[in-house]
């Protein structure tokens, strides 16, 4: 991963290089990660996320019948669900096990089996295709209907949140610029071998 830019007193400007793209932290749980993330979100005009109480997380885990990974719990409790245009991180009451995902009938056998150990954590582009979190591996993937199946695998919740931040400059809160869109796509490919 490239060196992270300084985020203290983050100033909003249209990114020109990959170093200019918003990356407020490398890993959820780093010292000051939530404050740096909030500073970038505020600069872009993203609604301020509200941290979730620990007892709400516990109740969600009880309802789901499974524990949530530590990084995801920290994201919710220390920052809160982010509504960053294409990536709307779900509030705990919206999180569901994906075994009943509406397009599962068109999935292959392997992807269908994987849905039972995944929970929805992001409403992706308001498409009805969530991004799911694999509770066993911590990996995240888009659950898609066209093409059907699981795709765009990312190695962690950290990676998914980083992609959401990288996309801020090209979404609703950013700029309409094809060169910038290409820059964001290249950086996602470089970091994760895929792009959302």
N, C-alpha and C. Protein backbone atom coordinates (compact mmCIF):
# COMPACT_ATOMS: atom_id res chain seq x y z
N UNK A 1 0.85 -1.18 0.00
CA UNK A 1 0.00 0.00 0.00
C UNK A 1 0.90 1.24 0.00
N UNK A 2 0.45 2.29 -0.67
CA UNK A 2 1.23 3.52 -0.72
C UNK A 2 1.17 4.23 0.63
N UNK A 3 2.12 5.15 0.84
CA UNK A 3 2.08 5.95 2.06
C UNK A 3 0.78 6.73 2.10
N UNK A 4 0.23 6.83 3.28
CA UNK A 4 -1.04 7.53 3.43
C UNK A 4 -0.80 9.04 3.50
N UNK A 5 -1.67 9.83 2.88
CA UNK A 5 -1.52 11.28 2.97
C UNK A 5 -1.86 11.76 4.38
N UNK A 6 -1.33 12.89 4.73
CA UNK A 6 -1.65 13.52 6.01
C UNK A 6 -3.13 13.94 5.98
N UNK A 7 -3.90 13.56 6.99
CA UNK A 7 -5.32 13.90 6.98
C UNK A 7 -5.68 15.00 7.97
N UNK A 8 -4.75 15.36 8.87
CA UNK A 8 -5.07 16.42 9.81
C UNK A 8 -5.36 17.69 9.00
N UNK A 9 -6.45 18.34 9.31
CA UNK A 9 -6.88 19.53 8.59
C UNK A 9 -7.03 19.26 7.10
N UNK A 10 -7.69 18.17 6.78
CA UNK A 10 -7.91 17.75 5.40
C UNK A 10 -8.57 18.87 4.61
N UNK A 11 -8.02 19.18 3.45
CA UNK A 11 -8.56 20.21 2.58
C UNK A 11 -9.11 19.54 1.33
N UNK A 12 -10.34 19.85 1.01
CA UNK A 12 -10.97 19.25 -0.16
C UNK A 12 -10.45 19.89 -1.43
N UNK A 13 -9.93 19.03 -2.33
CA UNK A 13 -9.51 19.47 -3.65
C UNK A 13 -9.63 18.30 -4.60
N UNK A 14 -9.83 18.59 -5.87
CA UNK A 14 -9.97 17.52 -6.85
C UNK A 14 -8.64 16.78 -6.98
N UNK A 15 -8.66 15.45 -6.74
CA UNK A 15 -7.43 14.67 -6.85
C UNK A 15 -6.89 14.66 -8.27
N UNK A 16 -5.56 14.77 -8.38
CA UNK A 16 -4.88 14.72 -9.68
C UNK A 16 -4.01 13.47 -9.80
N UNK A 17 -3.57 12.93 -8.67
CA UNK A 17 -2.75 11.72 -8.67
C UNK A 17 -3.30 10.76 -7.63
N UNK A 18 -2.81 9.52 -7.64
CA UNK A 18 -3.29 8.53 -6.66
C UNK A 18 -3.00 8.97 -5.23
N UNK A 19 -1.94 9.74 -5.02
CA UNK A 19 -1.62 10.21 -3.66
C UNK A 19 -2.64 11.23 -3.14
N UNK A 20 -3.38 11.85 -4.06
CA UNK A 20 -4.38 12.84 -3.67
C UNK A 20 -5.72 12.21 -3.27
N UNK A 21 -5.91 10.93 -3.58
CA UNK A 21 -7.19 10.28 -3.28
C UNK A 21 -7.37 10.15 -1.77
N UNK A 22 -8.59 10.30 -1.28
CA UNK A 22 -8.80 10.26 0.18
C UNK A 22 -8.59 8.86 0.76
N UNK A 23 -7.65 8.77 1.68
CA UNK A 23 -7.32 7.55 2.41
C UNK A 23 -7.04 7.93 3.85
N UNK A 24 -8.06 8.10 4.64
CA UNK A 24 -7.84 8.62 6.00
C UNK A 24 -7.18 7.64 6.96
N UNK A 25 -7.16 6.36 6.64
CA UNK A 25 -6.52 5.38 7.52
C UNK A 25 -6.15 4.16 6.68
N UNK A 26 -5.29 3.34 7.24
CA UNK A 26 -4.91 2.10 6.57
C UNK A 26 -5.72 0.93 7.11
N UNK A 27 -6.00 0.97 8.41
CA UNK A 27 -6.70 -0.14 9.03
C UNK A 27 -7.64 0.38 10.11
N UNK A 28 -8.86 -0.14 10.11
CA UNK A 28 -9.80 0.19 11.17
C UNK A 28 -9.18 -0.22 12.50
N UNK A 29 -9.15 0.73 13.41
CA UNK A 29 -8.53 0.47 14.71
C UNK A 29 -7.19 1.16 14.88
N UNK A 30 -6.59 1.66 13.77
CA UNK A 30 -5.37 2.45 13.90
C UNK A 30 -5.65 3.66 14.80
N UNK A 31 -4.62 4.17 15.43
CA UNK A 31 -4.79 5.35 16.27
C UNK A 31 -5.40 6.49 15.45
N UNK A 32 -6.51 7.04 15.93
CA UNK A 32 -7.15 8.18 15.30
C UNK A 32 -7.87 7.89 14.00
N UNK A 33 -8.09 6.62 13.68
CA UNK A 33 -8.69 6.26 12.39
C UNK A 33 -10.08 6.87 12.20
N UNK A 34 -10.93 6.78 13.23
CA UNK A 34 -12.31 7.25 13.09
C UNK A 34 -12.36 8.77 12.96
N UNK A 35 -11.52 9.47 13.71
CA UNK A 35 -11.49 10.93 13.63
C UNK A 35 -11.02 11.38 12.24
N UNK A 36 -9.98 10.72 11.71
CA UNK A 36 -9.49 11.06 10.37
C UNK A 36 -10.55 10.76 9.31
N UNK A 37 -11.24 9.63 9.45
CA UNK A 37 -12.30 9.28 8.51
C UNK A 37 -13.42 10.32 8.56
N UNK A 38 -13.80 10.71 9.76
CA UNK A 38 -14.88 11.69 9.93
C UNK A 38 -14.48 13.04 9.32
N UNK A 39 -13.22 13.41 9.46
CA UNK A 39 -12.75 14.68 8.90
C UNK A 39 -12.88 14.68 7.38
N UNK A 40 -12.51 13.58 6.74
CA UNK A 40 -12.62 13.48 5.28
C UNK A 40 -14.09 13.49 4.86
N UNK A 41 -14.92 12.72 5.55
CA UNK A 41 -16.35 12.69 5.23
C UNK A 41 -16.96 14.08 5.36
N UNK A 42 -16.62 14.80 6.42
CA UNK A 42 -17.15 16.15 6.62
C UNK A 42 -16.70 17.08 5.50
N UNK A 43 -15.43 16.97 5.07
CA UNK A 43 -14.92 17.83 4.00
C UNK A 43 -15.70 17.60 2.70
N UNK A 44 -16.09 16.35 2.43
CA UNK A 44 -16.86 16.04 1.22
C UNK A 44 -18.35 16.33 1.37
N UNK A 45 -18.79 16.65 2.57
CA UNK A 45 -20.21 16.93 2.78
C UNK A 45 -21.06 15.69 2.96
N UNK A 46 -20.42 14.56 3.28
CA UNK A 46 -21.14 13.32 3.53
C UNK A 46 -21.83 13.44 4.88
N UNK A 47 -23.08 12.99 4.99
CA UNK A 47 -23.75 13.04 6.30
C UNK A 47 -22.90 12.40 7.39
N UNK A 48 -22.84 13.06 8.52
CA UNK A 48 -22.01 12.59 9.63
C UNK A 48 -22.54 11.27 10.17
N UNK A 49 -21.74 10.19 10.10
CA UNK A 49 -22.21 8.91 10.64
C UNK A 49 -22.36 8.98 12.15
N UNK A 50 -23.30 8.22 12.66
CA UNK A 50 -23.56 8.19 14.10
C UNK A 50 -23.12 6.84 14.63
N UNK A 51 -22.17 6.82 15.59
CA UNK A 51 -21.73 5.55 16.15
C UNK A 51 -22.89 4.74 16.74
N UNK A 52 -22.75 3.44 16.68
CA UNK A 52 -23.78 2.51 17.15
C UNK A 52 -23.38 2.00 18.53
N UNK A 53 -24.33 1.95 19.44
CA UNK A 53 -24.06 1.46 20.80
C UNK A 53 -23.75 -0.04 20.78
N UNK A 54 -22.88 -0.46 21.69
CA UNK A 54 -22.48 -1.87 21.77
C UNK A 54 -23.67 -2.79 21.96
N UNK A 55 -24.67 -2.37 22.76
CA UNK A 55 -25.81 -3.26 22.98
C UNK A 55 -26.64 -3.46 21.71
N UNK A 56 -26.61 -2.48 20.79
CA UNK A 56 -27.30 -2.65 19.50
C UNK A 56 -26.58 -3.70 18.66
N UNK A 57 -25.25 -3.70 18.72
CA UNK A 57 -24.46 -4.71 18.00
C UNK A 57 -24.77 -6.10 18.57
N UNK A 58 -24.79 -6.21 19.87
CA UNK A 58 -25.07 -7.49 20.53
C UNK A 58 -26.46 -7.98 20.13
N UNK A 59 -27.43 -7.10 20.11
CA UNK A 59 -28.80 -7.48 19.71
C UNK A 59 -28.83 -7.93 18.25
N UNK A 60 -28.07 -7.25 17.39
CA UNK A 60 -28.00 -7.63 15.98
C UNK A 60 -27.40 -9.02 15.84
N UNK A 61 -26.34 -9.29 16.58
CA UNK A 61 -25.71 -10.62 16.53
C UNK A 61 -26.67 -11.69 17.02
N UNK A 62 -27.45 -11.38 18.05
CA UNK A 62 -28.43 -12.33 18.55
C UNK A 62 -29.48 -12.62 17.47
N UNK A 63 -29.96 -11.56 16.83
CA UNK A 63 -30.97 -11.71 15.78
C UNK A 63 -30.44 -12.52 14.60
N UNK A 64 -29.19 -12.27 14.23
CA UNK A 64 -28.58 -12.98 13.10
C UNK A 64 -28.17 -14.41 13.45
N UNK A 65 -27.96 -14.65 14.74
CA UNK A 65 -27.50 -15.97 15.17
C UNK A 65 -26.02 -16.19 14.93
N UNK A 66 -25.26 -15.09 14.85
CA UNK A 66 -23.81 -15.21 14.62
C UNK A 66 -23.12 -13.94 15.09
N UNK A 67 -21.85 -14.07 15.40
CA UNK A 67 -21.05 -12.92 15.78
C UNK A 67 -20.57 -12.17 14.55
N UNK A 68 -20.36 -10.88 14.70
CA UNK A 68 -19.83 -10.06 13.61
C UNK A 68 -18.32 -9.88 13.81
N UNK A 69 -17.56 -9.82 12.73
CA UNK A 69 -16.10 -9.64 12.85
C UNK A 69 -15.75 -8.34 13.58
N UNK A 70 -14.63 -8.39 14.29
CA UNK A 70 -14.20 -7.26 15.12
C UNK A 70 -14.07 -5.96 14.32
N UNK A 71 -13.49 -6.00 13.13
CA UNK A 71 -13.30 -4.77 12.34
C UNK A 71 -14.65 -4.14 11.99
N UNK A 72 -15.61 -4.96 11.66
CA UNK A 72 -16.94 -4.44 11.32
C UNK A 72 -17.61 -3.85 12.56
N UNK A 73 -17.46 -4.53 13.70
CA UNK A 73 -18.02 -4.02 14.95
C UNK A 73 -17.41 -2.65 15.27
N UNK A 74 -16.10 -2.53 15.10
CA UNK A 74 -15.41 -1.27 15.38
C UNK A 74 -15.87 -0.17 14.43
N UNK A 75 -16.04 -0.51 13.16
CA UNK A 75 -16.54 0.47 12.19
C UNK A 75 -17.87 1.04 12.68
N UNK A 76 -18.78 0.17 13.08
CA UNK A 76 -20.10 0.61 13.52
C UNK A 76 -20.03 1.38 14.84
N UNK A 77 -19.26 0.90 15.80
CA UNK A 77 -19.26 1.51 17.13
C UNK A 77 -18.39 2.77 17.23
N UNK A 78 -17.31 2.85 16.44
CA UNK A 78 -16.40 3.99 16.57
C UNK A 78 -16.66 5.08 15.53
N UNK A 79 -17.22 4.72 14.39
CA UNK A 79 -17.52 5.71 13.35
C UNK A 79 -19.01 5.74 13.07
N UNK A 80 -19.58 4.60 12.78
CA UNK A 80 -21.00 4.50 12.45
C UNK A 80 -21.19 4.13 10.99
N UNK A 81 -22.40 3.76 10.61
CA UNK A 81 -22.68 3.42 9.21
C UNK A 81 -22.51 4.66 8.32
N UNK A 82 -21.68 4.55 7.31
CA UNK A 82 -21.37 5.65 6.40
C UNK A 82 -22.35 5.61 5.22
N UNK A 83 -22.89 6.76 4.85
CA UNK A 83 -23.74 6.85 3.66
C UNK A 83 -22.98 7.66 2.61
N UNK A 84 -22.07 6.97 1.90
CA UNK A 84 -21.17 7.63 0.95
C UNK A 84 -21.59 7.35 -0.48
N UNK A 85 -22.77 7.80 -0.85
CA UNK A 85 -23.28 7.69 -2.21
C UNK A 85 -23.40 6.23 -2.64
N UNK A 86 -22.49 5.73 -3.46
CA UNK A 86 -22.59 4.36 -3.98
C UNK A 86 -22.45 3.32 -2.88
N UNK A 87 -21.84 3.67 -1.78
CA UNK A 87 -21.60 2.75 -0.67
C UNK A 87 -22.36 3.24 0.55
N UNK A 88 -23.55 2.66 0.75
CA UNK A 88 -24.33 3.00 1.95
C UNK A 88 -24.19 1.84 2.92
N UNK A 89 -23.32 2.02 3.92
CA UNK A 89 -23.12 0.98 4.92
C UNK A 89 -24.39 0.89 5.75
N UNK A 90 -24.87 -0.31 5.92
CA UNK A 90 -26.17 -0.54 6.54
C UNK A 90 -26.14 -0.36 8.05
N UNK A 91 -27.21 0.17 8.58
CA UNK A 91 -27.40 0.23 10.02
C UNK A 91 -27.63 -1.20 10.51
N UNK A 92 -27.29 -1.51 11.75
CA UNK A 92 -27.41 -2.89 12.24
C UNK A 92 -28.77 -3.53 12.02
N UNK A 93 -29.85 -2.77 12.16
CA UNK A 93 -31.18 -3.36 11.99
C UNK A 93 -31.45 -3.77 10.54
N UNK A 94 -30.64 -3.27 9.58
CA UNK A 94 -30.80 -3.62 8.17
C UNK A 94 -29.97 -4.83 7.73
N UNK A 95 -29.01 -5.21 8.55
CA UNK A 95 -28.09 -6.31 8.20
C UNK A 95 -28.86 -7.63 8.27
N UNK A 96 -28.73 -8.42 7.21
CA UNK A 96 -29.38 -9.73 7.15
C UNK A 96 -28.40 -10.77 6.63
N UNK A 97 -28.66 -12.03 6.98
CA UNK A 97 -27.91 -13.13 6.39
C UNK A 97 -28.37 -13.23 4.94
N UNK A 98 -27.46 -13.45 4.02
CA UNK A 98 -27.77 -13.39 2.60
C UNK A 98 -28.28 -14.71 2.01
N UNK A 99 -28.61 -15.68 2.84
CA UNK A 99 -29.10 -16.96 2.32
C UNK A 99 -30.44 -16.83 1.60
N UNK A 100 -31.12 -15.71 1.77
CA UNK A 100 -32.39 -15.50 1.09
C UNK A 100 -32.30 -14.38 0.05
N UNK A 101 -31.09 -14.06 -0.38
CA UNK A 101 -30.88 -13.01 -1.38
C UNK A 101 -31.76 -13.27 -2.59
N UNK A 102 -32.44 -12.26 -3.05
CA UNK A 102 -33.49 -12.40 -4.06
C UNK A 102 -33.03 -13.02 -5.38
N UNK A 103 -31.76 -12.86 -5.77
CA UNK A 103 -31.30 -13.40 -7.06
C UNK A 103 -30.51 -14.70 -6.90
N UNK A 104 -30.58 -15.34 -5.74
CA UNK A 104 -29.77 -16.54 -5.47
C UNK A 104 -30.08 -17.70 -6.42
N UNK A 105 -31.29 -17.77 -6.95
CA UNK A 105 -31.66 -18.88 -7.83
C UNK A 105 -30.81 -18.90 -9.10
N UNK A 106 -30.26 -17.76 -9.49
CA UNK A 106 -29.43 -17.70 -10.70
C UNK A 106 -27.93 -17.86 -10.40
N UNK A 107 -27.58 -18.06 -9.12
CA UNK A 107 -26.19 -18.25 -8.72
C UNK A 107 -25.75 -19.68 -8.99
N UNK A 108 -24.45 -19.87 -9.17
CA UNK A 108 -23.90 -21.20 -9.24
C UNK A 108 -23.93 -21.84 -7.86
N UNK A 109 -23.66 -23.14 -7.82
CA UNK A 109 -23.74 -23.90 -6.56
C UNK A 109 -22.79 -23.35 -5.50
N UNK A 110 -21.58 -23.03 -5.88
CA UNK A 110 -20.58 -22.55 -4.91
C UNK A 110 -21.01 -21.21 -4.31
N UNK A 111 -21.45 -20.28 -5.16
CA UNK A 111 -21.87 -18.97 -4.65
C UNK A 111 -23.12 -19.08 -3.80
N UNK A 112 -24.05 -19.93 -4.20
CA UNK A 112 -25.28 -20.13 -3.41
C UNK A 112 -24.93 -20.63 -2.01
N UNK A 113 -24.01 -21.58 -1.93
CA UNK A 113 -23.60 -22.12 -0.63
C UNK A 113 -22.92 -21.04 0.22
N UNK A 114 -22.16 -20.15 -0.42
CA UNK A 114 -21.45 -19.10 0.31
C UNK A 114 -22.41 -18.09 0.95
N UNK A 115 -23.58 -17.89 0.35
CA UNK A 115 -24.52 -16.89 0.87
C UNK A 115 -24.94 -17.16 2.31
N UNK A 116 -24.98 -18.43 2.70
CA UNK A 116 -25.40 -18.79 4.05
C UNK A 116 -24.45 -18.35 5.14
N UNK A 117 -23.22 -18.02 4.77
CA UNK A 117 -22.25 -17.55 5.77
C UNK A 117 -21.87 -16.08 5.56
N UNK A 118 -22.73 -15.37 4.81
CA UNK A 118 -22.49 -13.96 4.53
C UNK A 118 -23.64 -13.11 5.05
N UNK A 119 -23.29 -11.88 5.48
CA UNK A 119 -24.30 -10.90 5.86
C UNK A 119 -24.14 -9.67 4.99
N UNK A 120 -25.27 -9.01 4.71
CA UNK A 120 -25.24 -7.77 3.94
C UNK A 120 -24.70 -6.66 4.82
N UNK A 121 -23.76 -5.86 4.28
CA UNK A 121 -23.27 -4.73 5.07
C UNK A 121 -23.31 -3.42 4.29
N UNK A 122 -23.49 -3.49 2.96
CA UNK A 122 -23.53 -2.28 2.14
C UNK A 122 -24.64 -2.42 1.10
N UNK A 123 -25.42 -1.36 0.97
CA UNK A 123 -26.34 -1.22 -0.16
C UNK A 123 -25.51 -0.57 -1.25
N UNK A 124 -25.23 -1.32 -2.32
CA UNK A 124 -24.32 -0.86 -3.35
C UNK A 124 -25.08 -0.18 -4.49
N UNK A 125 -24.87 1.09 -4.66
CA UNK A 125 -25.45 1.89 -5.76
C UNK A 125 -26.97 1.79 -5.84
N UNK A 126 -27.63 1.49 -4.76
CA UNK A 126 -29.10 1.36 -4.74
C UNK A 126 -29.61 0.41 -5.83
N UNK A 127 -28.86 -0.66 -6.09
CA UNK A 127 -29.20 -1.61 -7.16
C UNK A 127 -29.97 -2.82 -6.67
N UNK A 128 -30.08 -2.99 -5.36
CA UNK A 128 -30.64 -4.23 -4.84
C UNK A 128 -29.58 -5.31 -4.74
N UNK A 129 -28.35 -4.98 -5.12
CA UNK A 129 -27.22 -5.90 -5.03
C UNK A 129 -26.34 -5.47 -3.86
N UNK A 130 -26.46 -6.15 -2.72
CA UNK A 130 -25.67 -5.75 -1.56
C UNK A 130 -24.21 -6.18 -1.70
N UNK A 131 -23.39 -5.59 -0.87
CA UNK A 131 -22.05 -6.12 -0.67
C UNK A 131 -22.12 -6.90 0.62
N UNK A 132 -21.69 -8.16 0.55
CA UNK A 132 -21.77 -9.04 1.69
C UNK A 132 -20.42 -9.25 2.35
N UNK A 133 -20.47 -9.57 3.61
CA UNK A 133 -19.29 -9.87 4.42
C UNK A 133 -19.33 -11.34 4.77
N UNK A 134 -18.28 -12.07 4.36
CA UNK A 134 -18.16 -13.50 4.69
C UNK A 134 -17.71 -13.60 6.15
N UNK A 135 -18.56 -14.16 6.99
CA UNK A 135 -18.29 -14.21 8.42
C UNK A 135 -17.15 -15.15 8.78
N UNK A 136 -16.82 -16.10 7.92
CA UNK A 136 -15.72 -17.02 8.20
C UNK A 136 -14.37 -16.44 7.80
N UNK A 137 -14.31 -15.77 6.65
CA UNK A 137 -13.03 -15.29 6.14
C UNK A 137 -12.80 -13.81 6.36
N UNK A 138 -13.87 -13.04 6.54
CA UNK A 138 -13.76 -11.59 6.64
C UNK A 138 -13.69 -10.91 5.29
N UNK A 139 -13.75 -11.68 4.19
CA UNK A 139 -13.74 -11.11 2.85
C UNK A 139 -15.09 -10.49 2.53
N UNK A 140 -15.10 -9.55 1.60
CA UNK A 140 -16.33 -8.89 1.17
C UNK A 140 -16.50 -9.11 -0.33
N UNK A 141 -17.75 -9.23 -0.78
CA UNK A 141 -18.03 -9.43 -2.20
C UNK A 141 -19.37 -8.82 -2.57
N UNK A 142 -19.45 -8.40 -3.82
CA UNK A 142 -20.72 -7.91 -4.36
C UNK A 142 -21.59 -9.10 -4.70
N UNK A 143 -22.83 -9.06 -4.25
CA UNK A 143 -23.82 -10.09 -4.60
C UNK A 143 -24.62 -9.51 -5.75
N UNK A 144 -24.38 -10.03 -6.93
CA UNK A 144 -24.97 -9.42 -8.11
C UNK A 144 -26.03 -10.25 -8.79
N UNK A 145 -26.91 -9.56 -9.50
CA UNK A 145 -27.92 -10.25 -10.30
C UNK A 145 -27.56 -10.21 -11.79
N UNK A 146 -26.69 -9.28 -12.21
CA UNK A 146 -26.31 -9.17 -13.61
C UNK A 146 -24.88 -8.65 -13.71
N UNK A 147 -23.91 -9.52 -13.86
CA UNK A 147 -24.04 -10.98 -13.95
C UNK A 147 -24.34 -11.58 -12.57
N UNK A 148 -24.97 -12.74 -12.56
CA UNK A 148 -25.33 -13.36 -11.29
C UNK A 148 -24.11 -13.97 -10.58
N UNK A 149 -24.09 -13.84 -9.27
CA UNK A 149 -23.05 -14.46 -8.47
C UNK A 149 -22.31 -13.47 -7.60
N UNK A 150 -21.29 -13.98 -6.95
CA UNK A 150 -20.44 -13.17 -6.08
C UNK A 150 -19.24 -12.71 -6.89
N UNK A 151 -18.93 -11.41 -6.82
CA UNK A 151 -17.82 -10.87 -7.60
C UNK A 151 -17.15 -9.73 -6.85
N UNK A 152 -16.09 -9.21 -7.46
CA UNK A 152 -15.36 -8.07 -6.91
C UNK A 152 -14.91 -8.31 -5.47
N UNK A 153 -14.36 -9.47 -5.22
CA UNK A 153 -13.94 -9.85 -3.87
C UNK A 153 -12.88 -8.89 -3.34
N UNK A 154 -13.05 -8.47 -2.12
CA UNK A 154 -12.07 -7.65 -1.40
C UNK A 154 -11.64 -8.42 -0.16
N UNK A 155 -10.40 -8.24 0.28
CA UNK A 155 -9.88 -9.07 1.37
C UNK A 155 -10.41 -8.77 2.76
N UNK A 156 -11.05 -7.60 2.96
CA UNK A 156 -11.45 -7.26 4.32
C UNK A 156 -12.43 -6.09 4.34
N UNK A 157 -13.00 -5.86 5.52
CA UNK A 157 -13.84 -4.68 5.73
C UNK A 157 -12.99 -3.43 5.55
N UNK A 158 -11.74 -3.45 6.02
CA UNK A 158 -10.84 -2.32 5.81
C UNK A 158 -10.78 -1.94 4.34
N UNK A 159 -10.61 -2.95 3.49
CA UNK A 159 -10.50 -2.73 2.05
C UNK A 159 -11.78 -2.13 1.49
N UNK A 160 -12.92 -2.63 1.93
CA UNK A 160 -14.20 -2.12 1.44
C UNK A 160 -14.39 -0.66 1.83
N UNK A 161 -14.06 -0.33 3.07
CA UNK A 161 -14.19 1.06 3.50
C UNK A 161 -13.22 1.94 2.73
N UNK A 162 -12.00 1.45 2.48
CA UNK A 162 -11.03 2.22 1.71
C UNK A 162 -11.56 2.47 0.30
N UNK A 163 -12.16 1.47 -0.33
CA UNK A 163 -12.74 1.66 -1.67
C UNK A 163 -13.83 2.73 -1.62
N UNK A 164 -14.66 2.72 -0.59
CA UNK A 164 -15.71 3.75 -0.46
C UNK A 164 -15.09 5.14 -0.39
N UNK A 165 -13.99 5.28 0.34
CA UNK A 165 -13.32 6.58 0.43
C UNK A 165 -12.67 6.95 -0.90
N UNK A 166 -12.03 5.99 -1.56
CA UNK A 166 -11.40 6.27 -2.85
C UNK A 166 -12.42 6.77 -3.87
N UNK A 167 -13.66 6.28 -3.77
CA UNK A 167 -14.72 6.64 -4.72
C UNK A 167 -15.41 7.97 -4.41
N UNK A 168 -15.16 8.55 -3.24
CA UNK A 168 -15.81 9.82 -2.90
C UNK A 168 -15.61 10.90 -3.97
N UNK A 169 -14.41 11.05 -4.54
CA UNK A 169 -14.21 12.13 -5.52
C UNK A 169 -14.99 11.95 -6.83
N UNK A 170 -15.47 10.75 -7.13
CA UNK A 170 -16.17 10.53 -8.40
C UNK A 170 -17.66 10.28 -8.21
N UNK A 171 -18.13 10.37 -7.01
CA UNK A 171 -19.55 10.14 -6.75
C UNK A 171 -20.30 11.45 -6.60
N UNK A 172 -21.43 11.36 -5.97
CA UNK A 172 -22.31 12.50 -5.74
C UNK A 172 -21.59 13.65 -5.05
N UNK A 173 -20.67 13.33 -4.15
CA UNK A 173 -19.99 14.35 -3.36
C UNK A 173 -18.72 14.88 -4.02
N UNK A 174 -18.39 14.37 -5.20
CA UNK A 174 -17.13 14.73 -5.85
C UNK A 174 -17.32 15.50 -7.14
N UNK A 175 -16.54 15.10 -8.15
CA UNK A 175 -16.48 15.80 -9.42
C UNK A 175 -16.87 14.86 -10.56
N UNK A 176 -17.46 15.40 -11.59
CA UNK A 176 -17.72 14.63 -12.81
C UNK A 176 -16.53 14.86 -13.73
N UNK A 177 -15.65 13.87 -13.80
CA UNK A 177 -14.42 14.02 -14.57
C UNK A 177 -13.97 12.63 -14.99
N UNK A 178 -13.89 12.38 -16.27
CA UNK A 178 -13.53 11.03 -16.75
C UNK A 178 -12.10 10.65 -16.39
N UNK A 179 -11.19 11.61 -16.38
CA UNK A 179 -9.80 11.31 -16.00
C UNK A 179 -9.74 10.90 -14.53
N UNK A 180 -10.50 11.58 -13.70
CA UNK A 180 -10.55 11.24 -12.28
C UNK A 180 -11.18 9.85 -12.08
N UNK A 181 -12.24 9.55 -12.82
CA UNK A 181 -12.85 8.22 -12.74
C UNK A 181 -11.83 7.14 -13.12
N UNK A 182 -11.04 7.39 -14.15
CA UNK A 182 -10.01 6.43 -14.57
C UNK A 182 -8.94 6.29 -13.49
N UNK A 183 -8.56 7.40 -12.86
CA UNK A 183 -7.57 7.36 -11.78
C UNK A 183 -8.07 6.50 -10.62
N UNK A 184 -9.32 6.70 -10.21
CA UNK A 184 -9.90 5.93 -9.11
C UNK A 184 -9.97 4.45 -9.48
N UNK A 185 -10.38 4.15 -10.71
CA UNK A 185 -10.46 2.75 -11.15
C UNK A 185 -9.07 2.11 -11.16
N UNK A 186 -8.07 2.81 -11.64
CA UNK A 186 -6.70 2.27 -11.67
C UNK A 186 -6.19 1.99 -10.26
N UNK A 187 -6.49 2.90 -9.34
CA UNK A 187 -6.01 2.71 -7.96
C UNK A 187 -6.70 1.53 -7.30
N UNK A 188 -7.99 1.33 -7.54
CA UNK A 188 -8.67 0.15 -7.00
C UNK A 188 -8.05 -1.13 -7.57
N UNK A 189 -7.81 -1.13 -8.88
CA UNK A 189 -7.19 -2.31 -9.52
C UNK A 189 -5.81 -2.57 -8.93
N UNK A 190 -5.03 -1.51 -8.75
CA UNK A 190 -3.67 -1.67 -8.22
C UNK A 190 -3.68 -2.22 -6.80
N UNK A 191 -4.56 -1.70 -5.98
CA UNK A 191 -4.60 -2.11 -4.58
C UNK A 191 -5.24 -3.48 -4.38
N UNK A 192 -6.31 -3.78 -5.14
CA UNK A 192 -7.11 -4.96 -4.84
C UNK A 192 -7.34 -5.91 -6.01
N UNK A 193 -6.88 -5.54 -7.21
CA UNK A 193 -7.06 -6.40 -8.36
C UNK A 193 -8.48 -6.40 -8.88
N UNK A 194 -9.32 -5.51 -8.39
CA UNK A 194 -10.71 -5.39 -8.84
C UNK A 194 -11.17 -3.96 -8.58
N UNK A 195 -12.32 -3.63 -9.13
CA UNK A 195 -12.89 -2.32 -8.85
C UNK A 195 -14.40 -2.42 -8.75
N UNK A 196 -14.95 -1.55 -7.96
CA UNK A 196 -16.41 -1.48 -7.79
C UNK A 196 -16.91 -0.19 -8.40
